[in-house]
Amino acid sequence: MNSESGQKLSLAELKQRNRESDFSVPAAPPDTPTRQDRENLLAVLTALYRLESTNSSRLEHLEASVAAQEALFRALSRQVGQLPTQSQLEALARDVAQMRAELKQAGKKKELSVSPPSLETALSVLIWLALILLGTLVGMVVLRTIWSGLAALWSAVRTLIP
């Protein structure tokens, strides 16, 4: 028979080489797991499965939450154009303040306020007084004329009646 180097070896030499190679192979398989190792591995795998299951449900919950927030964001983005501007908000605030003041005043009893008349009021009062005086004078002239006429008539009637 031939060896690796290409030499012819005898049967005895081949047997010896075969025995030497048998000793180099280990007799028992390397480290087979014990029952405790298998139980520990099973416990670790179970814990990993539970953790993955929990994380999976959390991930689904987070995905649903993100989807809801995205929908809300889209809805708010559509409504941005409908919101009032700063100047409109200020005008509304002024109107509300004015309404509150009016409501507050409406709830109070009317107070009597005395103030000196304005120039327009004084002039209009003077004009009315002048018109009343003129009307009185005209009325007195008319009454005087009627009285004189009645006196003349009475005088004529008296002369006719002896």
Protein backbone atom coordinates (compact mmCIF):
# COMPACT_ATOMS: atom_id res chain seq x y z
CA MET A 1 0.00 0.00 0.00
CA ASN A 2 0.99 3.58 -0.51
CA SER A 3 1.45 6.18 2.15
CA GLU A 4 0.76 9.86 1.91
CA SER A 5 4.29 10.55 0.78
CA GLY A 6 4.03 7.97 -1.95
CA GLN A 7 6.12 5.18 -0.24
CA LYS A 8 5.13 1.55 -0.04
CA LEU A 9 4.57 0.49 3.56
CA SER A 10 4.20 -2.91 5.08
CA LEU A 11 1.05 -4.17 6.68
CA ALA A 12 2.56 -3.88 10.15
CA GLU A 13 3.51 -0.28 9.62
CA LEU A 14 0.04 0.55 8.38
CA LYS A 15 -1.57 -1.08 11.44
CA GLN A 16 0.71 0.88 13.74
CA ARG A 17 -0.12 4.12 11.98
CA ASN A 18 -3.82 3.24 12.20
CA ARG A 19 -3.52 2.66 15.95
CA GLU A 20 -1.77 5.98 16.42
CA SER A 21 -4.54 7.75 14.55
CA ASP A 22 -7.16 5.98 16.75
CA PHE A 23 -5.60 7.52 19.86
CA SER A 24 -5.78 10.97 18.41
CA VAL A 25 -9.61 10.76 18.10
CA PRO A 26 -11.31 11.51 21.43
CA ALA A 27 -13.12 8.64 23.02
CA ALA A 28 -16.25 10.61 24.19
CA PRO A 29 -18.12 13.26 22.29
CA PRO A 30 -17.30 16.80 23.45
CA ASP A 31 -19.44 18.37 26.23
CA THR A 32 -22.95 17.08 25.77
CA PRO A 33 -25.48 19.33 27.54
CA THR A 34 -26.76 18.11 30.85
CA ARG A 35 -30.41 18.11 31.92
CA GLN A 36 -29.81 21.30 33.97
CA ASP A 37 -28.32 23.01 30.92
CA ARG A 38 -31.35 22.06 28.82
CA GLU A 39 -33.75 23.37 31.51
CA ASN A 40 -31.81 26.63 31.76
CA LEU A 41 -31.86 26.98 27.97
CA LEU A 42 -35.61 26.30 27.92
CA ALA A 43 -36.18 28.91 30.67
CA VAL A 44 -34.14 31.49 28.77
CA LEU A 45 -36.01 30.75 25.52
CA THR A 46 -39.36 31.02 27.35
CA ALA A 47 -38.35 34.35 28.86
CA LEU A 48 -37.22 35.60 25.44
CA TYR A 49 -40.54 34.50 23.91
CA ARG A 50 -42.53 36.32 26.60
CA LEU A 51 -40.38 39.42 26.18
CA GLU A 52 -40.82 39.32 22.41
CA SER A 53 -44.58 38.87 22.84
CA THR A 54 -44.77 41.83 25.23
CA ASN A 55 -42.65 43.98 22.97
CA SER A 56 -44.76 42.96 19.98
CA SER A 57 -47.97 44.09 21.70
CA ARG A 58 -46.30 47.33 22.76
CA LEU A 59 -45.15 47.91 19.21
CA GLU A 60 -48.68 47.35 17.90
CA HIS A 61 -50.03 49.77 20.48
CA LEU A 62 -47.41 52.37 19.54
CA GLU A 63 -48.15 51.93 15.84
CA ALA A 64 -51.87 52.49 16.49
CA SER A 65 -51.07 55.56 18.57
CA VAL A 66 -48.80 56.96 15.87
CA ALA A 67 -51.49 56.37 13.24
CA ALA A 68 -54.05 58.23 15.37
CA GLN A 69 -51.66 61.12 15.91
CA GLU A 70 -50.90 61.29 12.20
CA ALA A 71 -54.63 61.44 11.42
CA LEU A 72 -55.08 64.21 13.98
CA PHE A 73 -52.12 66.09 12.54
CA ARG A 74 -53.59 65.84 9.03
CA ALA A 75 -56.96 67.10 10.28
CA LEU A 76 -55.33 70.01 12.10
CA SER A 77 -53.25 70.85 9.04
CA ARG A 78 -56.43 71.12 6.97
CA GLN A 79 -58.00 73.45 9.54
CA VAL A 80 -55.05 75.85 9.78
CA GLY A 81 -56.52 78.08 7.07
CA GLN A 82 -59.79 78.37 8.97
CA LEU A 83 -58.24 79.76 12.15
CA PRO A 84 -58.57 83.50 12.83
CA THR A 85 -55.57 85.78 12.41
CA GLN A 86 -53.97 87.75 15.23
CA SER A 87 -55.78 90.98 14.26
CA GLN A 88 -59.13 89.17 14.19
CA LEU A 89 -58.45 87.74 17.65
CA GLU A 90 -57.59 91.21 18.96
CA ALA A 91 -60.80 92.64 17.47
CA LEU A 92 -62.80 89.84 19.06
CA ALA A 93 -61.13 90.51 22.42
CA ARG A 94 -62.04 94.21 22.19
CA ASP A 95 -65.66 93.37 21.28
CA VAL A 96 -65.93 90.93 24.17
CA ALA A 97 -64.53 93.51 26.60
CA GLN A 98 -67.04 96.09 25.35
CA MET A 99 -69.92 93.62 25.72
CA ARG A 100 -68.83 92.77 29.25
CA ALA A 101 -68.73 96.46 30.17
CA GLU A 102 -72.21 96.97 28.70
CA LEU A 103 -73.58 93.94 30.53
CA LYS A 104 -72.04 95.15 33.77
CA GLN A 105 -73.56 98.60 33.26
CA ALA A 106 -76.95 97.10 32.31
CA GLY A 107 -77.04 95.22 35.60
CA LYS A 108 -76.65 98.42 37.62
CA LYS A 109 -79.46 100.85 38.44
CA LYS A 110 -79.45 103.97 36.37
CA GLU A 111 -77.65 106.67 38.22
CA LEU A 112 -78.83 110.22 38.13
CA SER A 113 -76.09 112.31 36.71
CA VAL A 114 -76.19 116.06 36.81
CA SER A 115 -73.86 117.95 34.57
CA PRO A 116 -73.89 121.49 33.32
CA PRO A 117 -75.66 121.84 29.99
CA SER A 118 -73.62 122.07 26.90
CA LEU A 119 -73.61 125.16 24.73
CA GLU A 120 -75.91 123.52 22.20
CA THR A 121 -78.41 122.67 24.93
CA ALA A 122 -78.30 126.23 26.30
CA LEU A 123 -78.83 127.73 22.85
CA SER A 124 -81.73 125.41 22.06
CA VAL A 125 -83.36 126.28 25.41
CA LEU A 126 -82.95 130.02 24.70
CA ILE A 127 -84.45 129.61 21.24
CA TRP A 128 -87.45 127.76 22.67
CA LEU A 129 -87.93 130.40 25.35
CA ALA A 130 -87.82 133.14 22.72
CA LEU A 131 -90.39 131.30 20.61
CA ILE A 132 -92.66 130.82 23.62
CA LEU A 133 -92.37 134.51 24.51
CA LEU A 134 -93.10 135.56 20.93
CA GLY A 135 -96.07 133.20 20.83
CA THR A 136 -97.35 134.68 24.10
CA LEU A 137 -97.04 138.23 22.76
CA VAL A 138 -98.87 137.31 19.58
CA GLY A 139 -101.56 135.61 21.64
CA MET A 140 -101.92 138.69 23.85
CA VAL A 141 -102.30 140.95 20.81
CA VAL A 142 -104.96 138.64 19.40
CA LEU A 143 -106.81 138.54 22.74
CA ARG A 144 -106.57 142.35 23.06
CA THR A 145 -108.02 142.74 19.58
CA ILE A 146 -110.86 140.36 20.36
CA TRP A 147 -111.52 142.16 23.67
CA SER A 148 -111.62 145.54 21.93
CA GLY A 149 -114.00 144.18 19.31
CA LEU A 150 -116.27 142.76 21.97
CA ALA A 151 -116.19 146.08 23.87
CA ALA A 152 -117.16 147.99 20.71
CA LEU A 153 -119.95 145.53 20.01
CA TRP A 154 -121.23 145.83 23.57
CA SER A 155 -121.17 149.54 23.33
CA ALA A 156 -123.22 149.44 20.08
CA VAL A 157 -125.70 147.02 21.58
CA ARG A 158 -126.09 149.26 24.63
CA THR A 159 -126.88 152.26 22.53
CA LEU A 160 -129.49 150.30 20.65
CA ILE A 161 -131.09 149.06 23.81
CA PRO A 162 -132.44 152.05 25.87
